[in-house]
C-alpha atoms as a PDB file:
ATOM      1  CA  MET A   1      93.687-105.884 -14.969  1.00  0.00           C
ATOM      2  CA  CYS A   2      93.499-106.268 -18.345  1.00  0.00           C
ATOM      3  CA  ARG A   3      95.391-104.329 -20.792  1.00  0.00           C
ATOM      4  CA  VAL A   4      92.344-101.286 -22.113  1.00  0.00           C
ATOM      5  CA  THR A   5      91.939-101.075 -25.771  1.00  0.00           C
ATOM      6  CA  SER A   6      92.595 -97.202 -26.482  1.00  0.00           C
ATOM      7  CA  ARG A   7      92.965 -95.642 -23.099  1.00  0.00           C
ATOM      8  CA  ALA A   8      92.504 -91.324 -22.801  1.00  0.00           C
ATOM      9  CA  VAL A   9      95.779 -89.641 -21.942  1.00  0.00           C
ATOM     10  CA  LEU A  10      96.006 -86.315 -20.403  1.00  0.00           C
ATOM     11  CA  VAL A  11      99.959 -85.063 -21.323  1.00  0.00           C
ATOM     12  CA  THR A  12     100.604 -81.616 -19.654  1.00  0.00           C
ATOM     13  CA  GLY A  13     103.449 -79.429 -21.692  1.00  0.00           C
ATOM     14  CA  ALA A  14     103.195 -82.193 -24.673  1.00  0.00           C
ATOM     15  CA  SER A  15     103.710 -79.472 -27.602  1.00  0.00           C
ATOM     16  CA  ARG A  16     107.306 -80.028 -27.463  1.00  0.00           C
ATOM     17  CA  GLY A  17     110.136 -81.795 -25.711  1.00  0.00           C
ATOM     18  CA  ILE A  18     109.761 -85.067 -23.050  1.00  0.00           C
ATOM     19  CA  GLY A  19     106.364 -84.013 -23.588  1.00  0.00           C
ATOM     20  CA  ARG A  20     105.606 -84.571 -26.998  1.00  0.00           C
ATOM     21  CA  ALA A  21     108.164 -87.914 -26.854  1.00  0.00           C
ATOM     22  CA  VAL A  22     105.543 -89.143 -23.818  1.00  0.00           C
ATOM     23  CA  ALA A  23     102.607 -88.513 -26.091  1.00  0.00           C
ATOM     24  CA  ARG A  24     103.896 -90.146 -28.894  1.00  0.00           C
ATOM     25  CA  ALA A  25     104.322 -93.383 -26.898  1.00  0.00           C
ATOM     26  CA  PHE A  26     101.098 -93.386 -25.788  1.00  0.00           C
ATOM     27  CA  ALA A  27      99.619 -93.457 -29.072  1.00  0.00           C
ATOM     28  CA  ALA A  28     102.307 -95.154 -30.384  1.00  0.00           C
ATOM     29  CA  GLY A  29     100.030 -97.827 -27.948  1.00  0.00           C
ATOM     30  CA  GLY A  30      96.995 -97.324 -29.885  1.00  0.00           C
ATOM     31  CA  ASP A  31      95.795 -94.389 -27.202  1.00  0.00           C
ATOM     32  CA  ARG A  32      93.923 -90.859 -27.837  1.00  0.00           C
ATOM     33  CA  VAL A  33      95.681 -88.321 -25.784  1.00  0.00           C
ATOM     34  CA  ALA A  34      95.181 -84.904 -25.110  1.00  0.00           C
ATOM     35  CA  ILE A  35      98.222 -82.720 -26.119  1.00  0.00           C
ATOM     36  CA  HIS A  36      98.195 -79.823 -23.411  1.00  0.00           C
ATOM     37  CA  HIS A  37      99.864 -76.350 -23.944  1.00  0.00           C
ATOM     38  CA  ARG A  38      99.891 -73.022 -22.398  1.00  0.00           C
ATOM     39  CA  ASP A  39     100.496 -70.620 -25.725  1.00  0.00           C
ATOM     40  CA  SER A  40     102.367 -73.206 -28.539  1.00  0.00           C
ATOM     41  CA  ALA A  41      98.632 -74.418 -29.960  1.00  0.00           C
ATOM     42  CA  GLU A  42     100.919 -74.006 -33.632  1.00  0.00           C
ATOM     43  CA  ALA A  43     103.383 -76.788 -32.757  1.00  0.00           C
ATOM     44  CA  ALA A  44     100.517 -78.822 -30.465  1.00  0.00           C
ATOM     45  CA  GLU A  45      98.392 -79.259 -33.615  1.00  0.00           C
ATOM     46  CA  ALA A  46     101.320 -80.292 -35.225  1.00  0.00           C
ATOM     47  CA  VAL A  47     102.033 -82.966 -32.576  1.00  0.00           C
ATOM     48  CA  ARG A  48      98.805 -83.660 -32.824  1.00  0.00           C
ATOM     49  CA  ALA A  49      98.772 -84.318 -36.888  1.00  0.00           C
ATOM     50  CA  GLY A  50     101.887 -86.495 -36.424  1.00  0.00           C
ATOM     51  CA  LEU A  51     100.146 -88.516 -33.596  1.00  0.00           C
ATOM     52  CA  PRO A  52      99.198 -92.102 -34.828  1.00  0.00           C
ATOM     53  CA  GLY A  53      95.830 -93.099 -35.504  1.00  0.00           C
ATOM     54  CA  GLU A  54      92.729 -90.937 -34.304  1.00  0.00           C
ATOM     55  CA  GLY A  55      91.388 -89.341 -31.144  1.00  0.00           C
ATOM     56  CA  HIS A  56      93.676 -86.512 -30.470  1.00  0.00           C
ATOM     57  CA  VAL A  57      93.040 -83.421 -29.485  1.00  0.00           C
ATOM     58  CA  VAL A  58      94.714 -80.263 -28.179  1.00  0.00           C
ATOM     59  CA  VAL A  59      93.550 -78.668 -25.186  1.00  0.00           C
ATOM     60  CA  ARG A  60      95.032 -75.372 -23.762  1.00  0.00           C
ATOM     61  CA  ALA A  61      95.390 -73.743 -20.695  1.00  0.00           C
ATOM     62  CA  ASP A  62      97.828 -71.902 -18.284  1.00  0.00           C
ATOM     63  CA  LEU A  63      98.166 -74.169 -15.238  1.00  0.00           C
ATOM     64  CA  THR A  64      98.866 -70.733 -13.037  1.00  0.00           C
ATOM     65  CA  ASP A  65      94.972 -70.439 -13.591  1.00  0.00           C
ATOM     66  CA  PRO A  66      92.924 -72.883 -10.937  1.00  0.00           C
ATOM     67  CA  ASP A  67      90.093 -71.974 -13.274  1.00  0.00           C
ATOM     68  CA  ALA A  68      91.385 -72.613 -16.509  1.00  0.00           C
ATOM     69  CA  VAL A  69      92.975 -75.610 -15.280  1.00  0.00           C
ATOM     70  CA  ARG A  70      89.560 -77.318 -14.154  1.00  0.00           C
ATOM     71  CA  ALA A  71      88.119 -76.106 -17.626  1.00  0.00           C
ATOM     72  CA  MET A  72      90.899 -78.158 -19.658  1.00  0.00           C
ATOM     73  CA  VAL A  73      90.941 -81.108 -17.649  1.00  0.00           C
ATOM     74  CA  ASP A  74      87.094 -81.411 -18.296  1.00  0.00           C
ATOM     75  CA  GLU A  75      87.684 -80.457 -21.548  1.00  0.00           C
ATOM     76  CA  ALA A  76      89.800 -83.270 -22.537  1.00  0.00           C
ATOM     77  CA  ALA A  77      87.522 -85.813 -20.227  1.00  0.00           C
ATOM     78  CA  GLU A  78      84.862 -85.009 -22.202  1.00  0.00           C
ATOM     79  CA  LEU A  79      86.653 -84.632 -26.004  1.00  0.00           C
ATOM     80  CA  LEU A  80      88.528 -88.066 -25.189  1.00  0.00           C
ATOM     81  CA  GLY A  81      85.496 -89.694 -23.404  1.00  0.00           C
ATOM     82  CA  GLY A  82      86.029 -89.991 -20.370  1.00  0.00           C
ATOM     83  CA  LEU A  83      90.498 -90.262 -18.855  1.00  0.00           C
ATOM     84  CA  ASP A  84      92.263 -92.786 -17.459  1.00  0.00           C
ATOM     85  CA  VAL A  85      95.818 -91.667 -17.919  1.00  0.00           C
ATOM     86  CA  LEU A  86      97.849 -88.082 -16.817  1.00  0.00           C
ATOM     87  CA  VAL A  87     101.243 -87.460 -17.161  1.00  0.00           C
ATOM     88  CA  ASN A  88     102.199 -84.126 -15.625  1.00  0.00           C
ATOM     89  CA  ASN A  89     104.930 -83.082 -17.705  1.00  0.00           C
ATOM     90  CA  ALA A  90     104.778 -79.336 -17.827  1.00  0.00           C
ATOM     91  CA  GLY A  91     106.848 -77.027 -16.051  1.00  0.00           C
ATOM     92  CA  VAL A  92     109.134 -74.529 -16.139  1.00  0.00           C
ATOM     93  CA  TYR A  93     112.519 -73.210 -14.761  1.00  0.00           C
ATOM     94  CA  GLY A  94     111.567 -69.433 -13.733  1.00  0.00           C
ATOM     95  CA  GLU A  95     111.075 -65.932 -15.116  1.00  0.00           C
ATOM     96  CA  ARG A  96     112.286 -67.424 -18.747  1.00  0.00           C
ATOM     97  CA  ASP A  97     114.367 -69.333 -17.201  1.00  0.00           C
ATOM     98  CA  ALA A  98     116.588 -67.119 -14.850  1.00  0.00           C
ATOM     99  CA  PRO A  99     118.838 -68.285 -12.652  1.00  0.00           C
ATOM    100  CA  HIS A 100     117.418 -66.396  -8.882  1.00  0.00           C
ATOM    101  CA  PRO A 101     120.997 -66.901  -6.589  1.00  0.00           C
ATOM    102  CA  VAL A 102     120.221 -65.445  -3.315  1.00  0.00           C
ATOM    103  CA  PHE A 103     123.222 -63.499  -3.353  1.00  0.00           C
ATOM    104  CA  GLY A 104     122.741 -61.366  -7.097  1.00  0.00           C
ATOM    105  CA  THR A 105     118.664 -61.610  -6.846  1.00  0.00           C
ATOM    106  CA  SER A 106     116.778 -58.813  -5.808  1.00  0.00           C
ATOM    107  CA  TYR A 107     114.251 -59.438  -2.980  1.00  0.00           C
ATOM    108  CA  GLU A 108     111.362 -58.293  -5.325  1.00  0.00           C
ATOM    109  CA  GLN A 109     112.847 -61.018  -8.411  1.00  0.00           C
ATOM    110  CA  TRP A 110     113.108 -63.885  -5.658  1.00  0.00           C
ATOM    111  CA  GLN A 111     109.511 -63.204  -4.735  1.00  0.00           C
ATOM    112  CA  ARG A 112     108.472 -63.120  -8.541  1.00  0.00           C
ATOM    113  CA  ARG A 113     110.229 -66.011  -9.386  1.00  0.00           C
ATOM    114  CA  TRP A 114     109.541 -68.211  -6.926  1.00  0.00           C
ATOM    115  CA  ARG A 115     106.142 -67.231  -7.019  1.00  0.00           C
ATOM    116  CA  GLN A 116     105.585 -68.067 -10.990  1.00  0.00           C
ATOM    117  CA  VAL A 117     107.643 -71.555 -10.822  1.00  0.00           C
ATOM    118  CA  LEU A 118     105.967 -72.966  -7.661  1.00  0.00           C
ATOM    119  CA  GLU A 119     101.873 -71.632  -8.627  1.00  0.00           C
ATOM    120  CA  THR A 120     103.296 -73.875 -12.190  1.00  0.00           C
ATOM    121  CA  ASN A 121     105.287 -76.614 -10.762  1.00  0.00           C
ATOM    122  CA  LEU A 122     103.940 -78.204  -7.769  1.00  0.00           C
ATOM    123  CA  THR A 123     101.084 -75.567  -7.608  1.00  0.00           C
ATOM    124  CA  GLY A 124      99.987 -75.752 -11.337  1.00  0.00           C
ATOM    125  CA  ALA A 125      99.710 -80.373 -11.005  1.00  0.00           C
ATOM    126  CA  ALA A 126      98.412 -80.310  -7.666  1.00  0.00           C
ATOM    127  CA  ASN A 127      95.646 -79.372  -9.311  1.00  0.00           C
ATOM    128  CA  VAL A 128      95.115 -80.330 -12.235  1.00  0.00           C
ATOM    129  CA  THR A 129      95.513 -83.678 -10.812  1.00  0.00           C
ATOM    130  CA  TRP A 130      92.323 -82.626  -8.329  1.00  0.00           C
ATOM    131  CA  CYS A 131      90.623 -81.944 -11.920  1.00  0.00           C
ATOM    132  CA  ALA A 132      91.595 -85.233 -13.575  1.00  0.00           C
ATOM    133  CA  ALA A 133      91.819 -87.856 -10.763  1.00  0.00           C
ATOM    134  CA  GLN A 134      87.716 -87.169 -10.713  1.00  0.00           C
ATOM    135  CA  HIS A 135      87.909 -89.012 -14.247  1.00  0.00           C
ATOM    136  CA  LEU A 136      89.692 -91.368 -13.231  1.00  0.00           C
ATOM    137  CA  ARG A 137      87.798 -92.535 -10.395  1.00  0.00           C
ATOM    138  CA  GLY A 138      87.267 -96.089 -10.330  1.00  0.00           C
ATOM    139  CA  ARG A 139      88.605 -96.457 -14.433  1.00  0.00           C
ATOM    140  CA  GLY A 140      91.947 -98.032 -12.911  1.00  0.00           C
ATOM    141  CA  GLY A 141      93.859 -94.985 -13.376  1.00  0.00           C
ATOM    142  CA  ARG A 142      97.037 -93.722 -13.929  1.00  0.00           C
ATOM    143  CA  ILE A 143      99.044 -91.268 -12.071  1.00  0.00           C
ATOM    144  CA  VAL A 144     102.216 -90.354 -13.303  1.00  0.00           C
ATOM    145  CA  ASN A 145     104.930 -87.000 -12.740  1.00  0.00           C
ATOM    146  CA  VAL A 146     107.816 -86.012 -14.105  1.00  0.00           C
ATOM    147  CA  SER A 147     109.999 -84.598 -11.778  1.00  0.00           C
ATOM    148  CA  SER A 148     113.691 -84.149 -11.493  1.00  0.00           C
ATOM    149  CA  ARG A 149     117.441 -85.134 -10.714  1.00  0.00           C
ATOM    150  CA  GLY A 150     117.540 -81.535  -9.426  1.00  0.00           C
ATOM    151  CA  ALA A 151     115.015 -82.474  -6.295  1.00  0.00           C
ATOM    152  CA  PHE A 152     117.780 -84.564  -4.714  1.00  0.00           C
ATOM    153  CA  ARG A 153     121.025 -83.524  -6.665  1.00  0.00           C
ATOM    154  CA  GLY A 154     120.280 -79.417  -5.651  1.00  0.00           C
ATOM    155  CA  GLU A 155     119.817 -76.326  -7.868  1.00  0.00           C
ATOM    156  CA  PRO A 156     122.081 -73.502  -6.170  1.00  0.00           C
ATOM    157  CA  GLU A 157     121.186 -71.011  -9.167  1.00  0.00           C
ATOM    158  CA  GLN A 158     117.252 -72.049  -9.766  1.00  0.00           C
ATOM    159  CA  PRO A 159     116.398 -73.205  -6.033  1.00  0.00           C
ATOM    160  CA  ALA A 160     112.364 -73.065  -7.151  1.00  0.00           C
ATOM    161  CA  TYR A 161     112.993 -75.088  -9.519  1.00  0.00           C
ATOM    162  CA  GLY A 162     114.593 -77.873  -7.481  1.00  0.00           C
ATOM    163  CA  ALA A 163     111.906 -77.038  -4.806  1.00  0.00           C
ATOM    164  CA  SER A 164     109.359 -77.767  -6.863  1.00  0.00           C
ATOM    165  CA  LYS A 165     110.057 -80.862  -7.664  1.00  0.00           C
ATOM    166  CA  ALA A 166     110.803 -81.589  -4.601  1.00  0.00           C
ATOM    167  CA  GLY A 167     107.390 -81.281  -3.242  1.00  0.00           C
ATOM    168  CA  LEU A 168     106.034 -82.782  -6.950  1.00  0.00           C
ATOM    169  CA  ASN A 169     107.786 -86.250  -6.022  1.00  0.00           C
ATOM    170  CA  ALA A 170     106.450 -85.671  -1.471  1.00  0.00           C
ATOM    171  CA  LEU A 171     102.869 -84.988  -3.573  1.00  0.00           C
ATOM    172  CA  GLY A 172     102.887 -87.856  -5.406  1.00  0.00           C
ATOM    173  CA  GLN A 173     104.068 -89.945  -2.673  1.00  0.00           C
ATOM    174  CA  SER A 174     100.954 -88.894  -0.406  1.00  0.00           C
ATOM    175  CA  LEU A 175      99.044 -89.679  -3.504  1.00  0.00           C
ATOM    176  CA  ALA A 176      99.685 -92.119  -3.943  1.00  0.00           C
ATOM    177  CA  VAL A 177      98.887 -93.977  -0.843  1.00  0.00           C
ATOM    178  CA  ALA A 178      95.718 -91.827  -0.977  1.00  0.00           C
ATOM    179  CA  LEU A 179      94.402 -92.462  -4.226  1.00  0.00           C
ATOM    180  CA  ALA A 180      94.959 -96.119  -4.057  1.00  0.00           C
ATOM    181  CA  PRO A 181      91.600 -97.081  -2.732  1.00  0.00           C
ATOM    182  CA  TYR A 182      89.724 -95.915  -5.849  1.00  0.00           C
ATOM    183  CA  GLY A 183      92.039 -97.469  -8.183  1.00  0.00           C
ATOM    184  CA  ILE A 184      94.225 -95.241  -9.052  1.00  0.00           C
ATOM    185  CA  ALA A 185      98.560 -95.838  -9.069  1.00  0.00           C
ATOM    186  CA  VAL A 186     100.820 -93.080  -8.812  1.00  0.00           C
ATOM    187  CA  ALA A 187     104.186 -92.742  -9.852  1.00  0.00           C
ATOM    188  CA  THR A 188     107.422 -90.203 -10.774  1.00  0.00           C
ATOM    189  CA  VAL A 189     110.214 -89.862 -13.262  1.00  0.00           C
ATOM    190  CA  ALA A 190     113.554 -87.534 -11.879  1.00  0.00           C
ATOM    191  CA  PRO A 191     115.012 -87.103 -15.433  1.00  0.00           C
ATOM    192  CA  GLY A 192     118.826 -85.834 -14.820  1.00  0.00           C
ATOM    193  CA  PHE A 193     119.163 -83.548 -18.386  1.00  0.00           C
ATOM    194  CA  VAL A 194     117.597 -84.298 -21.599  1.00  0.00           C
ATOM    195  CA  GLU A 195     118.003 -83.082 -25.238  1.00  0.00           C
ATOM    196  CA  THR A 196     115.247 -81.201 -26.028  1.00  0.00           C
ATOM    197  CA  ASP A 197     114.731 -76.965 -27.002  1.00  0.00           C
ATOM    198  CA  MET A 198     115.099 -76.179 -23.564  1.00  0.00           C
ATOM    199  CA  THR A 199     118.554 -77.521 -22.346  1.00  0.00           C
ATOM    200  CA  THR A 200     119.752 -76.834 -26.721  1.00  0.00           C
ATOM    201  CA  GLU A 201     121.700 -73.858 -24.624  1.00  0.00           C
ATOM    202  CA  HIS A 202     122.970 -75.417 -22.080  1.00  0.00           C
ATOM    203  CA  LEU A 203     124.773 -78.387 -23.947  1.00  0.00           C
ATOM    204  CA  ALA A 204     126.593 -76.432 -26.195  1.00  0.00           C
ATOM    205  CA  GLY A 205     130.084 -76.215 -26.097  1.00  0.00           C
ATOM    206  CA  GLU A 206     132.176 -76.121 -23.014  1.00  0.00           C
ATOM    207  CA  ARG A 207     128.919 -76.297 -20.224  1.00  0.00           C
ATOM    208  CA  GLY A 208     127.577 -79.549 -21.998  1.00  0.00           C
ATOM    209  CA  GLU A 209     130.359 -80.772 -22.455  1.00  0.00           C
ATOM    210  CA  ALA A 210     130.208 -80.536 -18.392  1.00  0.00           C
ATOM    211  CA  ILE A 211     126.695 -81.957 -18.502  1.00  0.00           C
ATOM    212  CA  ARG A 212     127.674 -84.895 -20.982  1.00  0.00           C
ATOM    213  CA  ALA A 213     130.436 -85.948 -18.721  1.00  0.00           C
ATOM    214  CA  GLN A 214     128.500 -86.269 -15.188  1.00  0.00           C
ATOM    215  CA  SER A 215     127.030 -89.362 -16.679  1.00  0.00           C
ATOM    216  CA  PRO A 216     129.305 -92.015 -17.200  1.00  0.00           C
ATOM    217  CA  PHE A 217     128.171 -92.547 -20.503  1.00  0.00           C
ATOM    218  CA  HIS A 218     128.317 -89.496 -20.850  1.00  0.00           C
ATOM    219  CA  ARG A 219     125.678 -88.163 -23.002  1.00  0.00           C
ATOM    220  CA  VAL A 220     122.087 -86.836 -21.825  1.00  0.00           C
ATOM    221  CA  ALA A 221     119.256 -88.402 -21.897  1.00  0.00           C
ATOM    222  CA  ARG A 222     116.511 -88.638 -25.540  1.00  0.00           C
ATOM    223  CA  PRO A 223     113.045 -87.798 -24.396  1.00  0.00           C
ATOM    224  CA  GLU A 224     112.408 -91.339 -25.797  1.00  0.00           C
ATOM    225  CA  GLU A 225     114.172 -92.469 -22.829  1.00  0.00           C
ATOM    226  CA  ILE A 226     111.652 -90.730 -20.793  1.00  0.00           C
ATOM    227  CA  ALA A 227     108.675 -91.053 -22.288  1.00  0.00           C
ATOM    228  CA  ALA A 228     109.159 -95.391 -22.383  1.00  0.00           C
ATOM    229  CA  ALA A 229     109.653 -95.019 -18.369  1.00  0.00           C
ATOM    230  CA  VAL A 230     105.939 -93.050 -18.076  1.00  0.00           C
ATOM    231  CA  HIS A 231     104.372 -95.386 -20.935  1.00  0.00           C
ATOM    232  CA  TRP A 232     105.794 -98.101 -18.409  1.00  0.00           C
ATOM    233  CA  LEU A 233     104.624 -96.655 -15.271  1.00  0.00           C
ATOM    234  CA  ALA A 234     101.200 -95.614 -16.824  1.00  0.00           C
ATOM    235  CA  ALA A 235     100.723 -99.597 -18.114  1.00  0.00           C
ATOM    236  CA  PRO A 236      97.906-101.608 -16.522  1.00  0.00           C
ATOM    237  CA  GLU A 237     100.505-104.054 -15.482  1.00  0.00           C
ATOM    238  CA  SER A 238     102.248-101.150 -13.673  1.00  0.00           C
ATOM    239  CA  GLU A 239     100.212-100.916 -10.724  1.00  0.00           C
ATOM    240  CA  TRP A 240     102.403-101.949  -8.024  1.00  0.00           C
ATOM    241  CA  ALA A 241     104.993 -99.400  -8.965  1.00  0.00           C
ATOM    242  CA  SER A 242     102.564 -97.162  -7.485  1.00  0.00           C
ATOM    243  CA  GLY A 243     104.329 -94.424  -4.668  1.00  0.00           C
ATOM    244  CA  THR A 244     107.939 -95.166  -6.400  1.00  0.00           C
ATOM    245  CA  ILE A 245     110.294 -92.218  -7.654  1.00  0.00           C
ATOM    246  CA  VAL A 246     112.445 -93.645 -10.649  1.00  0.00           C
ATOM    247  CA  ASP A 247     116.249 -92.009 -11.804  1.00  0.00           C
ATOM    248  CA  LEU A 248     116.251 -91.663 -14.783  1.00  0.00           C
ATOM    249  CA  ASN A 249     119.641 -89.847 -15.010  1.00  0.00           C
ATOM    250  CA  GLY A 250     122.518 -92.094 -16.574  1.00  0.00           C
ATOM    251  CA  ALA A 251     124.082 -92.967 -12.942  1.00  0.00           C
ATOM    252  CA  SER A 252     125.012 -89.259 -12.697  1.00  0.00           C
ATOM    253  CA  HIS A 253     123.516 -88.694  -9.392  1.00  0.00           C
ATOM    254  CA  LEU A 254     123.553 -91.889  -7.350  1.00  0.00           C
ATOM    255  CA  ARG A 255     121.347 -91.815  -4.404  1.00  0.00           C
ATOM    256  CA  THR A 256     121.722 -93.162  -1.148  1.00  0.00           C
END
């Protein structure tokens, strides 16, 4: 398959962190990017304004709203002249990223946090994927999901998050088989801790030292490192990686 000039790329959760780095990687490669956000219009516009190249757009949707998701994906495709790549990056830990262990969380809080996390991280991503696939079909399309080390390592304080990412892994592998006949390859990256605005609090002080010590490199990932892997998996030459889950955790958790 030949490299297509200036592909149309939709990146969810692209106003900050990994999503912002992913948007920059595609734009630097000459692609046109739709920067999705939920409630960060100013930040998303700043990302768009800072991207190299032309034709980038900002789109908005709450991923827990199926109608808003469909409208957002269709808008991105219309503004970009179609879709070639989807990056499912948007995700949450829970209500205000609050922990929700079995003991210490009320039954009502437990239900609310599971519902919120799954509706965004799994059902939301599934809905974005369904909508995007209608535009990707027949274009040699690519879907890359951003999962987490927590899907394999476990998230005792954030069990809904770990479960949602494990579900995202399974979704990606199922769709890799289902969508291949339509020219769509699907792959997943599973980062460990990444140095972003979302993890600043976790990486401060003694806790941060303990987190960095989990990797023999004694650091956490940079967003650009995750973005580089996403960009490669979305390349026309990477079709044979469809179905794979790439661990990006600096050897902090080794699967067997």
